[in-house]
C-alpha atoms as a PDB file:
ATOM      1  CA  MET A   1     -19.534  15.656  -7.363  1.00  0.00           C
ATOM      2  CA  GLY A   2     -16.971  14.743  -9.964  1.00  0.00           C
ATOM      3  CA  GLN A   3     -14.223  14.643  -7.426  1.00  0.00           C
ATOM      4  CA  LYS A   4     -16.280  12.557  -5.044  1.00  0.00           C
ATOM      5  CA  VAL A   5     -17.129  10.023  -7.725  1.00  0.00           C
ATOM      6  CA  TYR A   6     -13.510   9.776  -8.852  1.00  0.00           C
ATOM      7  CA  GLU A   7     -12.330   9.108  -5.297  1.00  0.00           C
ATOM      8  CA  GLN A   8     -15.084   6.503  -4.670  1.00  0.00           C
ATOM      9  CA  ILE A   9     -14.226   4.579  -7.797  1.00  0.00           C
ATOM     10  CA  LYS A  10     -10.495   4.907  -7.264  1.00  0.00           C
ATOM     11  CA  GLU A  11     -10.642   3.671  -3.692  1.00  0.00           C
ATOM     12  CA  ALA A  12     -12.778   0.799  -4.737  1.00  0.00           C
ATOM     13  CA  ILE A  13     -10.091  -0.244  -7.268  1.00  0.00           C
ATOM     14  CA  ILE A  14      -7.162   0.255  -4.861  1.00  0.00           C
ATOM     15  CA  ASN A  15      -8.813  -1.801  -2.032  1.00  0.00           C
ATOM     16  CA  ASN A  16      -9.876  -4.374  -4.601  1.00  0.00           C
ATOM     17  CA  THR A  17     -13.603  -4.043  -4.056  1.00  0.00           C
ATOM     18  CA  ILE A  18     -13.453  -3.744  -7.781  1.00  0.00           C
ATOM     19  CA  LYS A  19     -11.007  -6.452  -8.709  1.00  0.00           C
ATOM     20  CA  PRO A  20      -8.361  -6.486 -11.426  1.00  0.00           C
ATOM     21  CA  GLY A  21      -9.811  -7.472 -14.790  1.00  0.00           C
ATOM     22  CA  THR A  22     -13.336  -6.341 -13.908  1.00  0.00           C
ATOM     23  CA  MET A  23     -15.264  -4.698 -16.674  1.00  0.00           C
ATOM     24  CA  ILE A  24     -16.764  -1.295 -15.753  1.00  0.00           C
ATOM     25  CA  GLN A  25     -19.692   0.151 -17.628  1.00  0.00           C
ATOM     26  CA  GLU A  26     -20.599   3.852 -17.194  1.00  0.00           C
ATOM     27  CA  ARG A  27     -24.317   3.320 -17.025  1.00  0.00           C
ATOM     28  CA  ILE A  28     -24.227   0.500 -14.440  1.00  0.00           C
ATOM     29  CA  LEU A  29     -21.686   2.350 -12.301  1.00  0.00           C
ATOM     30  CA  ALA A  30     -23.622   5.631 -12.467  1.00  0.00           C
ATOM     31  CA  GLU A  31     -26.824   3.855 -11.330  1.00  0.00           C
ATOM     32  CA  LYS A  32     -24.953   2.240  -8.463  1.00  0.00           C
ATOM     33  CA  LEU A  33     -23.476   5.522  -7.352  1.00  0.00           C
ATOM     34  CA  GLY A  34     -26.706   7.444  -7.921  1.00  0.00           C
ATOM     35  CA  VAL A  35     -25.197  10.004 -10.339  1.00  0.00           C
ATOM     36  CA  SER A  36     -25.337  10.864 -13.966  1.00  0.00           C
ATOM     37  CA  ARG A  37     -22.948   9.269 -16.461  1.00  0.00           C
ATOM     38  CA  THR A  38     -20.991  12.544 -16.869  1.00  0.00           C
ATOM     39  CA  PRO A  39     -18.928  12.471 -13.618  1.00  0.00           C
ATOM     40  CA  VAL A  40     -18.474   8.719 -14.007  1.00  0.00           C
ATOM     41  CA  ARG A  41     -17.062   9.286 -17.528  1.00  0.00           C
ATOM     42  CA  GLU A  42     -14.736  12.007 -16.264  1.00  0.00           C
ATOM     43  CA  ALA A  43     -13.575   9.823 -13.432  1.00  0.00           C
ATOM     44  CA  LEU A  44     -12.785   6.895 -15.731  1.00  0.00           C
ATOM     45  CA  ARG A  45     -10.743   9.155 -17.968  1.00  0.00           C
ATOM     46  CA  ARG A  46      -8.655  10.314 -14.929  1.00  0.00           C
ATOM     47  CA  LEU A  47      -8.197   6.720 -13.747  1.00  0.00           C
ATOM     48  CA  ASN A  48      -7.161   5.729 -17.225  1.00  0.00           C
ATOM     49  CA  SER A  49      -4.489   8.390 -17.212  1.00  0.00           C
ATOM     50  CA  GLU A  50      -3.220   6.943 -13.860  1.00  0.00           C
ATOM     51  CA  GLY A  51      -3.068   3.538 -15.274  1.00  0.00           C
ATOM     52  CA  LEU A  52      -5.709   2.041 -12.967  1.00  0.00           C
ATOM     53  CA  ILE A  53      -8.122   1.242 -15.775  1.00  0.00           C
ATOM     54  CA  GLU A  54      -8.008   0.701 -19.567  1.00  0.00           C
ATOM     55  CA  LEU A  55     -10.634   2.350 -21.611  1.00  0.00           C
ATOM     56  CA  ILE A  56     -12.113   0.053 -24.367  1.00  0.00           C
ATOM     57  CA  PRO A  57     -13.924   2.025 -27.051  1.00  0.00           C
ATOM     58  CA  GLY A  58     -17.502   0.864 -27.409  1.00  0.00           C
ATOM     59  CA  LYS A  59     -17.325  -1.535 -24.472  1.00  0.00           C
ATOM     60  CA  GLY A  60     -16.428   0.434 -21.361  1.00  0.00           C
ATOM     61  CA  ALA A  61     -13.382   0.084 -19.171  1.00  0.00           C
ATOM     62  CA  THR A  62     -11.389  -2.688 -17.614  1.00  0.00           C
ATOM     63  CA  VAL A  63      -9.592  -2.455 -14.245  1.00  0.00           C
ATOM     64  CA  THR A  64      -5.873  -3.053 -15.106  1.00  0.00           C
ATOM     65  CA  LYS A  65      -4.267  -6.231 -13.748  1.00  0.00           C
ATOM     66  CA  ILE A  66      -1.191  -6.190 -11.638  1.00  0.00           C
ATOM     67  CA  THR A  67       1.695  -7.985 -13.302  1.00  0.00           C
ATOM     68  CA  ILE A  68       4.906  -9.407 -11.888  1.00  0.00           C
ATOM     69  CA  GLU A  69       6.769  -6.717 -13.910  1.00  0.00           C
ATOM     70  CA  ASP A  70       4.789  -4.051 -11.987  1.00  0.00           C
ATOM     71  CA  ILE A  71       5.834  -5.710  -8.702  1.00  0.00           C
ATOM     72  CA  ARG A  72       9.484  -5.844  -9.768  1.00  0.00           C
ATOM     73  CA  GLU A  73       9.658  -2.235 -10.862  1.00  0.00           C
ATOM     74  CA  ILE A  74       7.749  -0.855  -7.783  1.00  0.00           C
ATOM     75  CA  MET A  75       9.959  -2.751  -5.377  1.00  0.00           C
ATOM     76  CA  GLN A  76      13.154  -1.637  -7.143  1.00  0.00           C
ATOM     77  CA  VAL A  77      12.128   1.918  -6.542  1.00  0.00           C
ATOM     78  CA  ARG A  78      10.391   1.490  -3.162  1.00  0.00           C
ATOM     79  CA  GLU A  79      13.263  -0.318  -1.275  1.00  0.00           C
ATOM     80  CA  PRO A  80      15.883   2.391  -1.511  1.00  0.00           C
ATOM     81  CA  LEU A  81      13.315   5.186  -0.811  1.00  0.00           C
ATOM     82  CA  GLU A  82      11.915   3.425   2.256  1.00  0.00           C
ATOM     83  CA  CYS A  83      15.451   2.683   3.525  1.00  0.00           C
ATOM     84  CA  LEU A  84      16.446   6.383   3.130  1.00  0.00           C
ATOM     85  CA  ALA A  85      13.187   7.482   4.859  1.00  0.00           C
ATOM     86  CA  VAL A  86      13.804   5.342   7.881  1.00  0.00           C
ATOM     87  CA  LYS A  87      17.461   6.313   8.100  1.00  0.00           C
ATOM     88  CA  LEU A  88      16.505  10.027   8.098  1.00  0.00           C
ATOM     89  CA  ALA A  89      13.783   9.315  10.543  1.00  0.00           C
ATOM     90  CA  ALA A  90      16.149   7.687  12.990  1.00  0.00           C
ATOM     91  CA  GLU A  91      18.167  10.894  12.997  1.00  0.00           C
ATOM     92  CA  ARG A  92      15.178  13.187  13.573  1.00  0.00           C
ATOM     93  CA  ILE A  93      12.727  11.199  15.609  1.00  0.00           C
ATOM     94  CA  GLN A  94      11.292  12.891  18.720  1.00  0.00           C
ATOM     95  CA  PRO A  95       9.742  11.295  21.901  1.00  0.00           C
ATOM     96  CA  GLN A  96       6.269  12.031  20.704  1.00  0.00           C
ATOM     97  CA  ASP A  97       6.943  10.221  17.542  1.00  0.00           C
ATOM     98  CA  ILE A  98       8.182   7.211  19.324  1.00  0.00           C
ATOM     99  CA  LYS A  99       5.107   7.270  21.541  1.00  0.00           C
ATOM    100  CA  TYR A 100       2.801   7.452  18.476  1.00  0.00           C
ATOM    101  CA  LEU A 101       4.521   4.517  16.734  1.00  0.00           C
ATOM    102  CA  GLU A 102       4.452   2.471  19.927  1.00  0.00           C
ATOM    103  CA  GLU A 103       0.686   3.085  20.213  1.00  0.00           C
ATOM    104  CA  MET A 104       0.257   2.101  16.594  1.00  0.00           C
ATOM    105  CA  ILE A 105       2.177  -1.089  17.082  1.00  0.00           C
ATOM    106  CA  ALA A 106       0.202  -1.887  20.309  1.00  0.00           C
ATOM    107  CA  ASN A 107      -3.084  -1.507  18.510  1.00  0.00           C
ATOM    108  CA  TRP A 108      -1.802  -3.632  15.638  1.00  0.00           C
ATOM    109  CA  ASP A 109      -0.706  -6.300  18.076  1.00  0.00           C
ATOM    110  CA  LYS A 110      -4.045  -6.240  19.885  1.00  0.00           C
ATOM    111  CA  GLU A 111      -5.889  -6.658  16.643  1.00  0.00           C
ATOM    112  CA  ILE A 112      -3.817  -9.623  15.578  1.00  0.00           C
ATOM    113  CA  ASN A 113      -3.871 -11.528  18.858  1.00  0.00           C
ATOM    114  CA  CYS A 114      -7.338 -10.766  20.243  1.00  0.00           C
ATOM    115  CA  THR A 115      -9.208 -11.737  17.186  1.00  0.00           C
ATOM    116  CA  ASP A 116     -10.524 -15.140  16.085  1.00  0.00           C
ATOM    117  CA  PRO A 117      -8.242 -16.112  13.119  1.00  0.00           C
ATOM    118  CA  ALA A 118     -11.339 -16.708  11.063  1.00  0.00           C
ATOM    119  CA  GLN A 119     -12.468 -13.135  11.824  1.00  0.00           C
ATOM    120  CA  ILE A 120      -9.204 -11.231  11.095  1.00  0.00           C
ATOM    121  CA  ASN A 121      -9.855  -8.001   9.305  1.00  0.00           C
ATOM    122  CA  PHE A 122      -6.952  -8.096   6.811  1.00  0.00           C
ATOM    123  CA  GLN A 123      -7.880  -4.745   5.312  1.00  0.00           C
ATOM    124  CA  SER A 124      -7.662  -3.049   8.684  1.00  0.00           C
ATOM    125  CA  LEU A 125      -4.289  -4.604   9.320  1.00  0.00           C
ATOM    126  CA  SER A 126      -3.083  -3.608   5.865  1.00  0.00           C
ATOM    127  CA  THR A 127      -4.212  -0.041   6.551  1.00  0.00           C
ATOM    128  CA  LYS A 128      -2.189   0.035   9.802  1.00  0.00           C
ATOM    129  CA  ASP A 129       0.865  -1.406   7.961  1.00  0.00           C
ATOM    130  CA  ILE A 130       0.692   1.391   5.348  1.00  0.00           C
ATOM    131  CA  ALA A 131       0.140   4.015   8.008  1.00  0.00           C
ATOM    132  CA  PHE A 132       3.287   2.910   9.857  1.00  0.00           C
ATOM    133  CA  HIS A 133       5.415   3.380   6.730  1.00  0.00           C
ATOM    134  CA  GLU A 134       3.746   6.725   5.879  1.00  0.00           C
ATOM    135  CA  TYR A 135       4.429   8.121   9.396  1.00  0.00           C
ATOM    136  CA  ILE A 136       8.107   7.156   9.106  1.00  0.00           C
ATOM    137  CA  VAL A 137       8.235   9.228   5.885  1.00  0.00           C
ATOM    138  CA  GLU A 138       6.587  12.122   7.733  1.00  0.00           C
ATOM    139  CA  ILE A 139       9.273  11.939  10.495  1.00  0.00           C
ATOM    140  CA  ALA A 140      12.036  11.878   7.860  1.00  0.00           C
ATOM    141  CA  GLY A 141      11.088  15.466   6.926  1.00  0.00           C
ATOM    142  CA  ASN A 142      12.200  15.304   3.388  1.00  0.00           C
ATOM    143  CA  LYS A 143       9.530  16.858   1.229  1.00  0.00           C
ATOM    144  CA  ARG A 144      10.941  15.612  -2.090  1.00  0.00           C
ATOM    145  CA  LEU A 145      11.306  12.087  -0.772  1.00  0.00           C
ATOM    146  CA  ALA A 146       7.732  12.193   0.493  1.00  0.00           C
ATOM    147  CA  SER A 147       6.589  13.461  -2.871  1.00  0.00           C
ATOM    148  CA  ILE A 148       8.228  10.620  -4.742  1.00  0.00           C
ATOM    149  CA  LEU A 149       6.883   7.984  -2.419  1.00  0.00           C
ATOM    150  CA  ASN A 150       3.460   9.525  -2.587  1.00  0.00           C
ATOM    151  CA  MET A 151       3.480   8.954  -6.353  1.00  0.00           C
ATOM    152  CA  LEU A 152       3.937   5.230  -5.582  1.00  0.00           C
ATOM    153  CA  ARG A 153       1.497   5.142  -2.693  1.00  0.00           C
ATOM    154  CA  ASP A 154      -1.698   4.127  -4.639  1.00  0.00           C
ATOM    155  CA  GLN A 155       0.125   1.307  -6.355  1.00  0.00           C
ATOM    156  CA  ILE A 156       1.676   0.155  -3.137  1.00  0.00           C
ATOM    157  CA  ARG A 157      -1.727   0.200  -1.431  1.00  0.00           C
ATOM    158  CA  ARG A 158      -3.298  -1.676  -4.243  1.00  0.00           C
ATOM    159  CA  ILE A 159      -0.773  -4.497  -4.195  1.00  0.00           C
ATOM    160  CA  THR A 160      -0.992  -4.642  -0.435  1.00  0.00           C
ATOM    161  CA  PHE A 161      -4.696  -5.024  -0.385  1.00  0.00           C
ATOM    162  CA  LEU A 162      -4.663  -7.551  -3.189  1.00  0.00           C
ATOM    163  CA  THR A 163      -2.212  -9.922  -1.454  1.00  0.00           C
ATOM    164  CA  GLN A 164      -3.315  -9.244   2.163  1.00  0.00           C
ATOM    165  CA  ASP A 165      -5.363 -12.326   3.047  1.00  0.00           C
ATOM    166  CA  ASN A 166      -2.553 -14.365   4.607  1.00  0.00           C
ATOM    167  CA  LYS A 167      -2.116 -14.772   8.361  1.00  0.00           C
ATOM    168  CA  ASN A 168       1.424 -16.233   7.908  1.00  0.00           C
ATOM    169  CA  ARG A 169       2.415 -13.063   6.194  1.00  0.00           C
ATOM    170  CA  ILE A 170       1.184 -11.060   9.227  1.00  0.00           C
ATOM    171  CA  GLU A 171       3.125 -13.208  11.596  1.00  0.00           C
ATOM    172  CA  THR A 172       6.291 -12.643   9.499  1.00  0.00           C
ATOM    173  CA  SER A 173       5.786  -8.925   8.972  1.00  0.00           C
ATOM    174  CA  PHE A 174       4.818  -7.850  12.452  1.00  0.00           C
ATOM    175  CA  PRO A 175       8.174  -8.712  14.177  1.00  0.00           C
ATOM    176  CA  GLN A 176       9.967  -6.993  11.313  1.00  0.00           C
ATOM    177  CA  HIS A 177       8.100  -3.768  12.164  1.00  0.00           C
ATOM    178  CA  LEU A 178       9.087  -4.232  15.860  1.00  0.00           C
ATOM    179  CA  LYS A 179      12.731  -4.423  14.836  1.00  0.00           C
ATOM    180  CA  ILE A 180      12.379  -1.232  12.788  1.00  0.00           C
ATOM    181  CA  LEU A 181      10.655   0.540  15.668  1.00  0.00           C
ATOM    182  CA  GLU A 182      13.366  -0.554  18.106  1.00  0.00           C
ATOM    183  CA  ALA A 183      16.099   0.871  15.872  1.00  0.00           C
ATOM    184  CA  LEU A 184      14.125   4.128  15.606  1.00  0.00           C
ATOM    185  CA  LYS A 185      13.911   4.223  19.469  1.00  0.00           C
ATOM    186  CA  GLN A 186      17.602   3.753  19.695  1.00  0.00           C
ATOM    187  CA  ARG A 187      18.116   6.468  17.087  1.00  0.00           C
ATOM    188  CA  ASP A 188      20.356   4.113  15.147  1.00  0.00           C
ATOM    189  CA  PRO A 189      20.218   5.021  11.441  1.00  0.00           C
ATOM    190  CA  ALA A 190      22.286   2.064  10.273  1.00  0.00           C
ATOM    191  CA  ALA A 191      20.207  -0.477  12.102  1.00  0.00           C
ATOM    192  CA  ALA A 192      16.944   1.195  11.048  1.00  0.00           C
ATOM    193  CA  GLU A 193      18.095   1.150   7.420  1.00  0.00           C
ATOM    194  CA  GLU A 194      19.184  -2.513   7.491  1.00  0.00           C
ATOM    195  CA  ASN A 195      15.962  -3.604   9.254  1.00  0.00           C
ATOM    196  CA  MET A 196      13.902  -1.727   6.636  1.00  0.00           C
ATOM    197  CA  ARG A 197      15.948  -3.329   3.836  1.00  0.00           C
ATOM    198  CA  GLN A 198      15.325  -6.800   5.199  1.00  0.00           C
ATOM    199  CA  HIS A 199      11.609  -5.964   5.520  1.00  0.00           C
ATOM    200  CA  MET A 200      11.441  -4.783   1.989  1.00  0.00           C
ATOM    201  CA  GLN A 201      13.231  -7.934   0.736  1.00  0.00           C
ATOM    202  CA  SER A 202      10.672 -10.030   2.678  1.00  0.00           C
ATOM    203  CA  ILE A 203       7.817  -8.117   1.055  1.00  0.00           C
ATOM    204  CA  LYS A 204       9.276  -8.632  -2.459  1.00  0.00           C
ATOM    205  CA  GLU A 205       9.744 -12.376  -1.846  1.00  0.00           C
ATOM    206  CA  TYR A 206       6.205 -12.660  -0.560  1.00  0.00           C
ATOM    207  CA  TYR A 207       4.832 -10.779  -3.646  1.00  0.00           C
ATOM    208  CA  TYR A 208       6.834 -13.032  -5.960  1.00  0.00           C
ATOM    209  CA  ASP A 209       5.586 -16.120  -4.229  1.00  0.00           C
ATOM    210  CA  TRP A 210       2.017 -14.928  -4.261  1.00  0.00           C
ATOM    211  CA  PHE A 211       2.175 -14.305  -8.047  1.00  0.00           C
ATOM    212  CA  GLY A 212       3.960 -17.680  -8.543  1.00  0.00           C
ATOM    213  CA  PHE A 213       7.268 -16.255  -9.845  1.00  0.00           C
ATOM    214  CA  LYS A 214      10.833 -16.674  -8.847  1.00  0.00           C
ATOM    215  CA  GLU A 215      13.174 -13.648  -9.112  1.00  0.00           C
ATOM    216  CA  ALA A 216      15.486 -15.731 -11.339  1.00  0.00           C
ATOM    217  CA  ASN A 217      12.710 -15.966 -13.926  1.00  0.00           C
ATOM    218  CA  LEU A 218      12.414 -12.228 -14.310  1.00  0.00           C
END
């Protein structure tokens, strides 16, 4: 029960169902989840240790906000790791991997183009985006690299879901994924790495713009 409660609260924070800055009270959350306050309290302690909430004695807990400094630090680490992953993946990729990524991209494309713009499910598209990158890491076959990126995964997902409601971003990002896939299909590590680097730079610029900051101001 404790693990289930922890996972429910954590996922709600990561996908921004519970938004940054929201006050969380044990009693209210326990009632909503239909559990006692004990597993909720334990879950909040774990989430506090992970930096997703801040415990406030006598008041409850607050979901931590994402700062531009968080963005800067995460992208400084993420970019070289993602570039290394796609480079290794281009050297190791197998026909079944290419087929899987092609199917993933095809489903992604279908969802973008066959949906009324007003009805776009940005969370679904963001989930597909994250899955694309995670599968590349899997193909890379480096357990230590995967472990390091996994440590960042929750933070990456949280930022992705927070900034997702932008069709222009989708229209920019999707072709970048196509270029990455093409380099993987050609088994070209240099091209794959360069395309991933450009994609990461584009993501960083979008985040900075979303938060209203310029890199020169950091």
